[in-house]
Protein backbone atom coordinates (compact mmCIF):
# COMPACT_ATOMS: atom_id res chain seq x y z
CA MET A 1 0.00 0.00 0.00
CA THR A 2 2.82 2.38 -0.87
CA GLU A 3 0.51 4.96 -2.40
CA ALA A 4 -1.80 5.03 0.64
CA VAL A 5 1.05 5.32 3.13
CA GLU A 6 2.56 8.20 1.19
CA LYS A 7 -0.74 10.03 1.48
CA LEU A 8 -0.90 9.56 5.26
CA THR A 9 -0.15 12.92 6.82
CA LYS A 10 2.78 12.94 9.21
CA LYS A 11 1.60 12.71 12.79
CA ASN A 12 3.51 15.73 14.08
CA GLU A 13 2.54 17.96 11.15
CA ASP A 14 -1.23 17.71 11.56
CA PRO A 15 -2.28 15.21 14.27
CA SER A 16 -5.99 15.72 13.64
CA LYS A 17 -5.77 15.06 9.90
CA TRP A 18 -3.40 12.12 10.52
CA TYR A 19 -5.87 10.61 12.98
CA LEU A 20 -8.93 10.94 10.73
CA GLN A 21 -7.03 9.54 7.74
CA LEU A 22 -5.73 6.60 9.73
CA VAL A 23 -9.17 5.63 11.07
CA ARG A 24 -10.41 5.41 7.49
CA MET A 25 -7.31 3.94 5.82
CA ALA A 26 -6.90 1.19 8.45
CA LYS A 27 -10.60 0.37 8.01
CA LEU A 28 -11.45 0.92 11.67
CA ALA A 29 -14.61 2.99 11.22
CA ASP A 30 -16.72 4.91 8.72
CA TYR A 31 -19.05 7.90 9.01
CA GLY A 32 -22.78 7.32 9.53
CA PRO A 33 -25.66 9.28 7.94
CA VAL A 34 -26.53 11.06 11.21
CA ARG A 35 -24.04 13.58 12.57
CA GLY A 36 -21.83 12.04 15.23
CA THR A 37 -22.63 8.42 14.34
CA PHE A 38 -20.11 5.93 12.99
CA ALA A 39 -20.01 2.35 11.80
CA ILE A 40 -17.24 0.38 13.48
CA ARG A 41 -15.79 -1.85 10.78
CA PRO A 42 -14.80 -5.49 11.46
CA TYR A 43 -11.11 -4.72 12.06
CA GLY A 44 -11.97 -1.99 14.54
CA PHE A 45 -14.67 -4.08 16.17
CA GLU A 46 -12.33 -7.02 16.71
CA ILE A 47 -9.99 -4.71 18.62
CA TRP A 48 -12.98 -3.63 20.75
CA GLU A 49 -14.01 -7.25 21.31
CA ARG A 50 -10.55 -8.11 22.63
CA ILE A 51 -10.56 -5.13 24.97
CA GLN A 52 -14.09 -6.03 26.05
CA ARG A 53 -13.17 -9.65 26.72
CA ASP A 54 -10.14 -8.67 28.78
CA LEU A 55 -12.12 -6.20 30.87
CA ASP A 56 -15.14 -8.47 31.24
CA ASP A 57 -12.94 -11.24 32.62
CA ARG A 58 -11.55 -8.79 35.16
CA PHE A 59 -15.08 -7.75 36.17
CA LYS A 60 -16.18 -11.34 36.66
CA ALA A 61 -13.02 -12.11 38.65
CA THR A 62 -14.10 -9.40 41.12
CA GLY A 63 -17.60 -10.83 41.53
CA HIS A 64 -19.59 -8.75 39.06
CA LYS A 65 -22.32 -10.14 36.81
CA ASN A 66 -23.64 -8.78 33.52
CA ALA A 67 -27.23 -7.69 32.92
CA TYR A 68 -29.12 -5.50 30.47
CA PHE A 69 -31.44 -2.54 31.10
CA PRO A 70 -33.85 -0.57 28.86
CA LEU A 71 -32.66 1.95 26.29
CA LEU A 72 -35.54 4.39 26.82
CA ILE A 73 -35.80 6.35 30.07
CA PRO A 74 -38.98 8.25 31.09
CA GLU A 75 -38.36 11.95 31.65
CA SER A 76 -39.81 11.70 35.16
CA TYR A 77 -37.06 9.26 36.12
CA LEU A 78 -34.31 11.64 35.08
CA LYS A 79 -35.91 14.49 37.01
CA LYS A 80 -35.74 12.61 40.29
CA GLU A 81 -32.03 13.43 40.70
CA ALA A 82 -31.88 17.14 39.91
CA GLU A 83 -28.09 17.48 39.59
CA HIS A 84 -27.96 14.41 37.37
CA VAL A 85 -30.55 15.61 34.85
CA GLU A 86 -29.07 19.11 34.83
CA GLY A 87 -25.66 17.69 34.01
CA PHE A 88 -26.93 15.68 31.04
CA ASP A 89 -29.72 17.94 29.79
CA PRO A 90 -27.73 19.57 26.93
CA GLU A 91 -26.80 16.13 25.55
CA LEU A 92 -30.18 14.38 25.76
CA ALA A 93 -32.00 13.03 22.71
CA TRP A 94 -35.75 12.61 23.15
CA VAL A 95 -38.37 10.27 21.70
CA THR A 96 -41.71 12.12 21.54
CA ILE A 97 -43.69 10.04 19.03
CA GLY A 98 -44.37 6.30 19.14
CA GLY A 99 -45.73 4.93 15.88
CA ARG A 100 -48.06 7.78 14.86
CA GLU A 101 -49.08 8.89 18.32
CA GLU A 102 -47.53 11.61 20.44
CA LEU A 103 -46.30 10.17 23.72
CA GLU A 104 -47.75 11.42 27.01
CA GLU A 105 -44.26 11.54 28.48
CA ARG A 106 -40.99 12.17 26.68
CA LEU A 107 -38.51 9.30 26.67
CA ALA A 108 -34.77 9.96 26.75
CA ILE A 109 -32.43 7.69 24.84
CA ARG A 110 -30.03 6.67 27.59
CA PRO A 111 -27.02 8.93 28.04
CA THR A 112 -26.16 6.75 31.06
CA SER A 113 -28.37 4.41 33.08
CA GLU A 114 -28.30 5.43 36.74
CA SER A 115 -31.93 6.59 36.76
CA ILE A 116 -33.48 3.59 35.00
CA ILE A 117 -31.35 1.09 36.93
CA CYS A 118 -32.25 2.68 40.26
CA ASP A 119 -35.93 2.07 39.54
CA PHE A 120 -35.22 -1.66 39.25
CA TYR A 121 -32.90 -1.70 42.25
CA LYS A 122 -35.68 -0.19 44.37
CA ASN A 123 -37.63 -3.43 43.88
CA TRP A 124 -34.72 -5.85 43.89
CA ILE A 125 -33.19 -4.71 47.19
CA GLN A 126 -35.15 -5.34 50.37
CA SER A 127 -32.67 -6.65 52.94
CA TYR A 128 -28.98 -6.44 53.82
CA ARG A 129 -28.83 -10.02 52.53
CA ASP A 130 -29.38 -8.64 49.01
CA LEU A 131 -26.16 -6.64 49.26
CA PRO A 132 -23.72 -6.04 47.80
CA LEU A 133 -25.39 -5.97 44.39
CA LEU A 134 -22.65 -6.04 41.74
CA ILE A 135 -23.97 -5.58 38.20
CA ASN A 136 -22.37 -4.45 34.94
CA GLN A 137 -23.98 -3.66 31.59
CA TRP A 138 -22.45 -3.67 28.09
CA CYS A 139 -24.53 -1.46 25.82
CA ASN A 140 -24.68 1.65 23.64
CA VAL A 141 -25.56 5.17 24.76
CA LEU A 142 -26.45 8.41 22.98
CA ARG A 143 -25.26 11.91 23.82
CA TRP A 144 -25.99 14.75 21.43
CA GLU A 145 -22.43 15.99 21.03
CA LYS A 146 -21.74 19.25 19.18
CA VAL A 147 -18.23 18.38 17.99
CA THR A 148 -17.50 14.76 17.12
CA ARG A 149 -14.51 12.68 16.07
CA PRO A 150 -14.47 8.90 15.41
CA PHE A 151 -14.07 6.94 18.66
CA LEU A 152 -12.85 9.93 20.70
CA ARG A 153 -16.15 11.77 20.89
CA THR A 154 -19.25 10.43 19.14
CA SER A 155 -22.97 10.89 19.62
CA GLU A 156 -23.54 7.15 19.88
CA PHE A 157 -20.90 4.91 21.37
CA LEU A 158 -20.43 1.50 22.94
CA TRP A 159 -19.43 1.15 26.55
CA GLN A 160 -19.84 -0.69 29.79
CA GLU A 161 -21.37 0.81 32.90
CA GLY A 162 -21.09 -0.85 36.28
CA HIS A 163 -23.74 -0.12 38.90
CA THR A 164 -23.27 -1.48 42.40
CA VAL A 165 -25.09 -1.11 45.73
CA HIS A 166 -23.54 -1.49 49.19
CA ALA A 167 -24.57 -1.45 52.82
CA THR A 168 -21.96 1.07 53.97
CA ALA A 169 -20.11 4.13 52.68
CA GLU A 170 -16.79 2.36 53.29
CA GLU A 171 -17.78 -0.59 51.10
CA ALA A 172 -18.92 1.72 48.31
CA ARG A 173 -15.68 3.71 48.39
CA ALA A 174 -13.63 0.49 48.37
CA GLU A 175 -15.61 -0.69 45.32
CA THR A 176 -15.04 2.63 43.53
CA LEU A 177 -11.28 2.41 44.03
CA GLN A 178 -11.14 -1.30 43.22
CA MET A 179 -12.75 -0.69 39.82
CA LEU A 180 -10.42 2.23 39.17
CA ASN A 181 -7.54 -0.19 39.70
CA VAL A 182 -9.18 -2.76 37.42
CA TYR A 183 -9.27 -0.17 34.65
CA GLN A 184 -5.67 0.83 35.32
CA ASP A 185 -4.53 -2.81 35.08
CA CYS A 186 -6.39 -3.27 31.78
CA PHE A 187 -4.76 -0.16 30.32
CA HIS A 188 -1.30 -1.22 31.41
CA GLU A 189 -1.45 -4.96 30.76
CA ALA A 190 -3.70 -5.24 27.68
CA MET A 191 -3.41 -1.85 25.97
CA SER A 192 0.17 -0.88 26.93
CA ILE A 193 -1.13 2.57 27.89
CA PRO A 194 0.16 4.05 31.16
CA VAL A 195 -2.53 6.04 32.96
CA LEU A 196 -2.51 8.40 35.90
CA THR A 197 -5.21 7.87 38.52
CA GLY A 198 -6.71 10.34 40.96
CA MET A 199 -9.80 12.39 41.78
CA LYS A 200 -11.65 14.86 39.60
CA SER A 201 -12.10 18.42 40.84
CA PRO A 202 -15.65 19.20 42.07
CA SER A 203 -16.54 20.99 38.82
CA GLU A 204 -15.44 17.94 36.79
CA ARG A 205 -17.31 15.37 38.90
CA PHE A 206 -19.98 13.15 37.42
CA ALA A 207 -23.37 14.79 37.89
CA GLY A 208 -24.83 13.44 41.15
CA ALA A 209 -21.63 11.84 42.46
CA VAL A 210 -19.97 12.41 45.84
CA GLU A 211 -16.56 11.79 44.28
CA THR A 212 -15.30 10.88 40.81
CA PHE A 213 -12.04 9.03 40.23
CA THR A 214 -10.40 8.93 36.83
CA CYS A 215 -7.79 7.27 34.62
CA GLU A 216 -6.06 9.91 32.49
CA ALA A 217 -3.84 9.00 29.54
CA LEU A 218 -1.51 11.27 27.57
CA MET A 219 -1.94 11.11 23.80
CA GLY A 220 0.87 11.39 21.27
CA ASP A 221 -0.09 14.98 20.43
CA GLY A 222 0.27 16.08 24.06
CA ARG A 223 -3.43 16.16 24.89
CA ALA A 224 -5.01 14.21 27.73
CA LEU A 225 -7.79 11.66 27.34
CA GLN A 226 -10.19 10.77 30.14
CA ALA A 227 -9.93 7.04 29.56
CA ALA A 228 -12.23 5.67 32.31
CA THR A 229 -14.04 6.94 35.39
CA SER A 230 -15.32 5.44 38.63
CA HIS A 231 -17.92 7.29 40.72
CA ASP A 232 -18.80 7.11 44.39
CA LEU A 233 -22.49 8.09 44.34
CA GLY A 234 -22.99 8.06 48.10
CA GLN A 235 -26.70 7.93 48.95
CA ASN A 236 -27.76 10.60 46.45
CA PHE A 237 -29.49 8.29 44.00
CA ALA A 238 -30.79 5.97 46.73
CA LYS A 239 -32.61 8.89 48.35
CA ALA A 240 -33.88 10.27 45.05
CA PHE A 241 -35.28 6.89 43.98
CA ASP A 242 -36.29 5.72 47.47
CA ILE A 243 -34.02 2.66 47.52
CA THR A 244 -33.99 1.30 51.07
CA PHE A 245 -33.23 -1.96 52.84
CA LEU A 246 -33.62 -3.52 56.26
CA ASP A 247 -30.22 -3.69 57.94
CA GLU A 248 -29.13 -6.28 60.50
CA ASN A 249 -30.90 -4.28 63.24
CA GLN A 250 -34.10 -4.33 61.20
CA ASP A 251 -33.88 -0.58 60.60
CA ARG A 252 -34.85 0.68 57.14
CA VAL A 253 -31.88 2.62 55.74
CA TYR A 254 -30.52 3.94 52.45
CA PRO A 255 -27.70 2.02 50.74
CA TYR A 256 -24.60 3.49 49.07
CA GLN A 257 -23.98 3.20 45.34
CA THR A 258 -21.24 3.35 42.73
CA SER A 259 -21.08 3.54 38.96
CA TRP A 260 -18.10 3.23 36.63
CA GLY A 261 -17.60 3.30 32.86
CA PHE A 262 -15.23 2.69 29.96
CA SER A 263 -16.06 3.14 26.26
CA THR A 264 -14.97 2.72 22.64
CA ARG A 265 -13.10 6.03 22.95
CA VAL A 266 -10.20 3.90 24.19
CA ILE A 267 -9.70 2.74 20.59
CA GLY A 268 -9.01 6.38 19.76
CA GLY A 269 -6.58 6.36 22.67
CA LEU A 270 -4.79 3.31 21.24
CA ILE A 271 -4.38 5.07 17.90
CA LEU A 272 -3.10 8.33 19.40
CA VAL A 273 -0.75 6.79 21.97
CA HIS A 274 0.92 4.16 19.78
CA GLY A 275 0.37 5.21 16.15
CA ASP A 276 3.13 6.73 14.04
CA ASP A 277 3.79 8.01 10.52
CA ARG A 278 3.45 4.48 9.13
CA GLY A 279 0.04 3.90 10.70
CA LEU A 280 -1.31 1.89 13.61
CA LYS A 281 0.86 0.11 16.13
CA LEU A 282 -1.19 -2.46 18.04
CA PRO A 283 -0.25 -4.25 21.28
CA PRO A 284 -0.09 -8.01 20.57
CA LYS A 285 -2.77 -8.81 23.17
CA LEU A 286 -5.31 -6.75 21.22
CA ALA A 287 -4.15 -7.12 17.63
CA PRO A 288 -6.62 -9.07 15.45
CA THR A 289 -3.57 -10.46 13.60
CA GLN A 290 -0.47 -10.92 15.74
CA ALA A 291 1.83 -11.94 12.90
CA VAL A 292 1.45 -11.96 9.12
CA ILE A 293 3.45 -14.16 6.75
CA VAL A 294 4.54 -12.36 3.60
CA PRO A 295 6.02 -14.78 1.03
CA ILE A 296 8.62 -13.30 -1.31
CA TRP A 297 8.69 -15.12 -4.63
CA ARG A 298 10.09 -14.48 -8.07
CA GLY A 299 9.08 -16.25 -11.27
CA ASN A 300 9.48 -20.02 -11.17
CA ASN A 301 9.78 -20.36 -7.38
CA LYS A 302 6.31 -18.96 -6.66
CA GLY A 303 4.68 -22.35 -6.21
CA GLU A 304 7.31 -23.61 -3.79
CA VAL A 305 7.35 -20.42 -1.70
CA ARG A 306 3.57 -20.31 -1.57
CA ARG A 307 3.37 -23.92 -0.36
CA GLU A 308 6.00 -23.27 2.32
CA ALA A 309 4.12 -20.16 3.45
CA GLU A 310 0.89 -22.15 3.78
CA THR A 311 2.68 -24.87 5.77
CA LEU A 312 4.27 -22.30 8.04
CA PHE A 313 0.89 -20.63 8.56
CA ASP A 314 -0.59 -23.92 9.80
CA GLU A 315 2.38 -24.55 12.12
CA LEU A 316 2.20 -21.12 13.73
CA LYS A 317 -1.57 -21.12 13.98
CA ASP A 318 -1.37 -24.43 15.86
CA ALA A 319 1.04 -22.73 18.27
CA GLY A 320 -1.81 -20.48 19.44
CA LEU A 321 -0.89 -17.36 17.47
CA ARG A 322 -3.43 -15.25 15.57
CA MET A 323 -1.87 -15.61 12.14
CA GLU A 324 -2.47 -14.43 8.61
CA ALA A 325 -0.73 -15.48 5.39
CA ASP A 326 -0.81 -12.81 2.69
CA LEU A 327 -0.92 -14.90 -0.48
CA ASP A 328 -2.24 -12.12 -2.70
CA GLU A 329 -0.50 -12.30 -6.08
CA GLU A 330 -1.49 -8.86 -7.37
CA HIS A 331 0.70 -6.76 -5.10
CA SER A 332 4.43 -6.67 -4.47
CA PRO A 333 6.00 -7.63 -1.12
CA GLY A 334 6.82 -3.94 -0.53
CA TRP A 335 3.17 -3.00 -0.96
CA LYS A 336 2.21 -5.71 1.50
CA PHE A 337 4.83 -4.58 4.03
CA ASN A 338 3.32 -1.08 4.04
CA GLU A 339 -0.23 -2.42 4.20
CA HIS A 340 0.40 -4.53 7.29
CA GLU A 341 2.41 -1.78 8.98
CA LEU A 342 -0.54 0.56 8.40
CA ARG A 343 -2.82 -1.98 10.09
CA GLY A 344 -0.45 -2.22 13.06
CA VAL A 345 0.30 -5.97 12.84
CA PRO A 346 2.94 -6.53 15.58
CA VAL A 347 5.24 -8.88 13.60
CA ARG A 348 5.86 -9.51 9.92
CA VAL A 349 7.25 -12.92 8.93
CA GLU A 350 9.17 -12.75 5.65
CA LEU A 351 9.76 -16.00 3.77
CA GLY A 352 11.77 -16.18 0.54
CA PRO A 353 13.63 -18.89 -1.43
CA LYS A 354 16.91 -18.34 0.45
CA ASP A 355 15.08 -18.51 3.78
CA ILE A 356 13.54 -21.84 2.74
CA GLU A 357 16.99 -23.16 1.79
CA LYS A 358 18.41 -22.13 5.16
CA GLY A 359 15.39 -23.39 7.11
CA GLN A 360 14.63 -19.97 8.55
CA ALA A 361 12.33 -16.95 8.35
CA VAL A 362 12.85 -13.23 8.93
CA LEU A 363 10.89 -11.57 11.75
CA VAL A 364 10.32 -7.80 11.58
CA ARG A 365 8.93 -5.98 14.61
CA ARG A 366 6.35 -3.23 14.09
CA ASP A 367 7.27 -1.43 17.31
CA THR A 368 11.00 -1.00 16.58
CA GLY A 369 11.48 -2.08 12.96
CA GLU A 370 14.19 -4.53 14.08
CA LYS A 371 14.80 -7.68 12.03
CA GLU A 372 15.96 -11.08 13.20
CA PHE A 373 16.59 -14.38 11.47
CA VAL A 374 15.03 -17.36 13.24
CA ALA A 375 15.23 -21.07 12.48
CA ARG A 376 11.91 -22.59 11.38
CA LYS A 377 11.77 -25.04 14.26
CA GLU A 378 12.26 -22.18 16.73
CA LEU A 379 9.65 -19.86 15.21
CA PRO A 380 6.61 -20.81 17.34
CA ALA A 381 8.45 -20.33 20.62
CA ARG A 382 10.26 -17.19 19.45
CA LEU A 383 7.09 -15.55 18.14
CA ASN A 384 5.20 -16.21 21.35
CA GLU A 385 8.17 -14.82 23.29
CA LEU A 386 8.33 -11.81 20.98
CA MET A 387 4.68 -10.96 21.61
CA GLY A 388 5.43 -10.46 25.29
CA GLU A 389 8.53 -8.39 24.52
CA ILE A 390 6.60 -6.10 22.16
CA GLN A 391 3.74 -5.71 24.63
CA GLU A 392 6.16 -4.62 27.37
CA ASN A 393 8.22 -2.40 25.09
CA MET A 394 5.14 -0.52 23.88
CA LEU A 395 4.23 0.24 27.48
CA ARG A 396 7.80 1.41 28.15
CA GLN A 397 7.73 3.66 25.08
CA ALA A 398 4.40 5.21 26.08
CA ALA A 399 5.54 5.67 29.69
CA ALA A 400 8.78 7.34 28.51
CA PHE A 401 6.78 9.73 26.32
CA ARG A 402 4.51 10.62 29.23
CA HIS A 403 7.51 11.16 31.52
CA GLU A 404 9.19 13.43 28.95
CA ASN A 405 5.97 15.41 28.57
CA THR A 406 5.09 15.86 32.25
CA ARG A 407 6.45 19.14 33.57
CA GLN A 408 6.43 21.18 36.76
CA ALA A 409 5.48 24.85 36.35
CA GLU A 410 7.12 27.36 38.70
CA SER A 411 5.16 30.43 37.54
CA TYR A 412 1.89 31.16 35.76
CA GLY A 413 3.85 32.51 32.81
CA GLU A 414 5.75 29.24 32.52
CA PHE A 415 2.48 27.31 32.94
CA LYS A 416 0.89 29.16 30.00
CA GLU A 417 3.99 28.75 27.87
CA ILE A 418 4.13 24.98 28.44
CA ILE A 419 0.44 24.53 27.63
CA ALA A 420 0.67 26.67 24.49
CA GLU A 421 3.95 25.39 23.06
CA LYS A 422 4.67 21.95 24.51
CA ARG A 423 1.36 20.65 25.87
CA GLY A 424 1.54 17.46 27.91
CA PHE A 425 0.74 17.20 31.63
CA VAL A 426 1.58 20.21 33.76
CA VAL A 427 1.86 19.70 37.52
CA ALA A 428 1.18 22.77 39.66
CA PRO A 429 -0.46 23.69 42.99
CA TRP A 430 -4.16 24.58 42.91
CA ASP A 431 -5.90 26.58 45.64
CA GLY A 432 -9.09 24.51 45.38
CA THR A 433 -11.33 27.34 44.12
CA GLU A 434 -13.51 27.15 41.04
CA GLU A 435 -12.57 30.76 40.23
CA THR A 436 -8.89 29.86 39.73
CA GLU A 437 -9.79 26.69 37.84
CA GLN A 438 -12.05 28.66 35.49
CA LYS A 439 -9.47 31.38 34.88
CA ILE A 440 -6.85 28.81 33.88
CA LYS A 441 -9.36 27.22 31.51
CA GLU A 442 -10.22 30.57 29.93
CA ASP A 443 -6.59 31.63 29.60
CA THR A 444 -5.10 28.37 28.36
CA LYS A 445 -7.93 25.91 27.50
CA ALA A 446 -6.31 23.55 30.01
CA THR A 447 -8.41 21.80 32.65
CA ILE A 448 -7.63 19.93 35.83
CA ARG A 449 -7.34 16.34 34.68
CA LEU A 450 -6.98 14.92 38.16
CA LEU A 451 -5.99 15.55 41.75
CA PRO A 452 -3.33 12.94 42.66
CA PHE A 453 -3.92 10.67 45.65
CA GLU A 454 -0.71 12.03 47.15
CA ARG A 455 -0.65 15.82 46.85
CA GLN A 456 2.15 18.15 47.81
CA GLU A 457 1.53 21.59 49.26
CA GLY A 458 2.58 24.74 47.44
CA LYS A 459 1.49 28.19 46.34
CA ASP A 460 -1.17 28.54 43.63
CA LEU A 461 0.42 30.10 40.54
CA VAL A 462 -2.62 32.26 39.79
CA SER A 463 -3.98 33.39 43.16
CA GLY A 464 -0.83 33.05 45.27
CA LYS A 465 -2.89 31.26 47.93
CA PRO A 466 -1.87 27.96 49.55
CA GLY A 467 -2.71 25.00 47.34
CA LYS A 468 -2.05 21.33 46.64
CA THR A 469 -0.81 19.50 43.56
CA ALA A 470 -3.10 19.17 40.54
CA VAL A 471 -2.40 17.82 37.06
CA PHE A 472 -3.48 20.06 34.17
CA ALA A 473 -3.66 19.51 30.41
CA ARG A 474 -5.65 20.30 27.33
CA ALA A 475 -7.94 17.38 26.63
CA TYR A 476 -10.09 15.68 24.05
């Protein structure tokens, strides 16, 4: 795919154009007929399925079970938690006509499911013996976004939303933090994306939550991405929806709740963190194809090389690797090299007549471009070993980039200069006031991405008042 790769804009020249081109050229997604909607193509969806499977296994290992709840939410349900409906009101899409009749009550297409799920929980929870209730839902949601971009911000997207109920505030907080750690482990171990974890500022909290915790990732263009969130809802929703239970003393009390979510925007994160001027770069654990065999033949030896490539494909597939053999005869090996690099295949296996004679194959890594010659009999073991090495190296590369692009600001002038010219994470004291937070946003377009769990004291760069460490960045 030489021609296509040449047309791919360089990442550092125009990251936005590069990103949009790559989503299309790698056949990850395509635009839908309604603004903000997208079709996820098979290659993109397989990446999502692998992320989903990894995360779902982690959920089940911590005692959660999957369920499904209705798509349509009566307006009266949303109004029960005033802060919640106010927070989502600008993004709501309404159904007002059913068939040919106007509905007596408007129905919202779910932007999130707290309100509809609480109505069920009110009936399902009667006693302390019913707790904890640990439920997760995989579904789609709709938020009427003004500015959209494939995966990163779309009107309709796929996600999971966990909704749990607990007898005590301590149990709910422990659940919130446990799920934050589950997300962090998935990012690190499956996606090779290092994330920072901490609390959101009050103005950035989920509408109706007591506290919101977040995983923040740094993209290759220096912007931050809110990759996953976990919310301690306290008793706010329980009181609004009259969810009560009889405790061990036979007193009727309100439970404590959590919710937590992770969506297809992480595919956008994968692209922006790992992608380069040649295209995608996928971690082996998530790559639909872990290694592709590209036979290199000339004239009379085509039949022999093709047969050897097919045999090698069977051998490596039996070794538990997700393999592909590119036996297309219309394109040159060079075209195929570029095509599979664009798709982010972790390893290319080159096989030519001389390799067959020597009983070897050439392995080329997508993450570093390094080549190595490996004996045929050693290929299954070496490829499996190489997958782990690439997975770890991609995490190291992303962590090094984040480290290089995380800076301390000693003055407000320096803060503004870093945000404008270098981007990345900027660490600086914050006095805890919304006024200072808003001024920084107006001056620089940077927001508080998180408040670290361990915060150092210092002097706010704007107000000069005492403050504690916050992490700022421009974000998607």
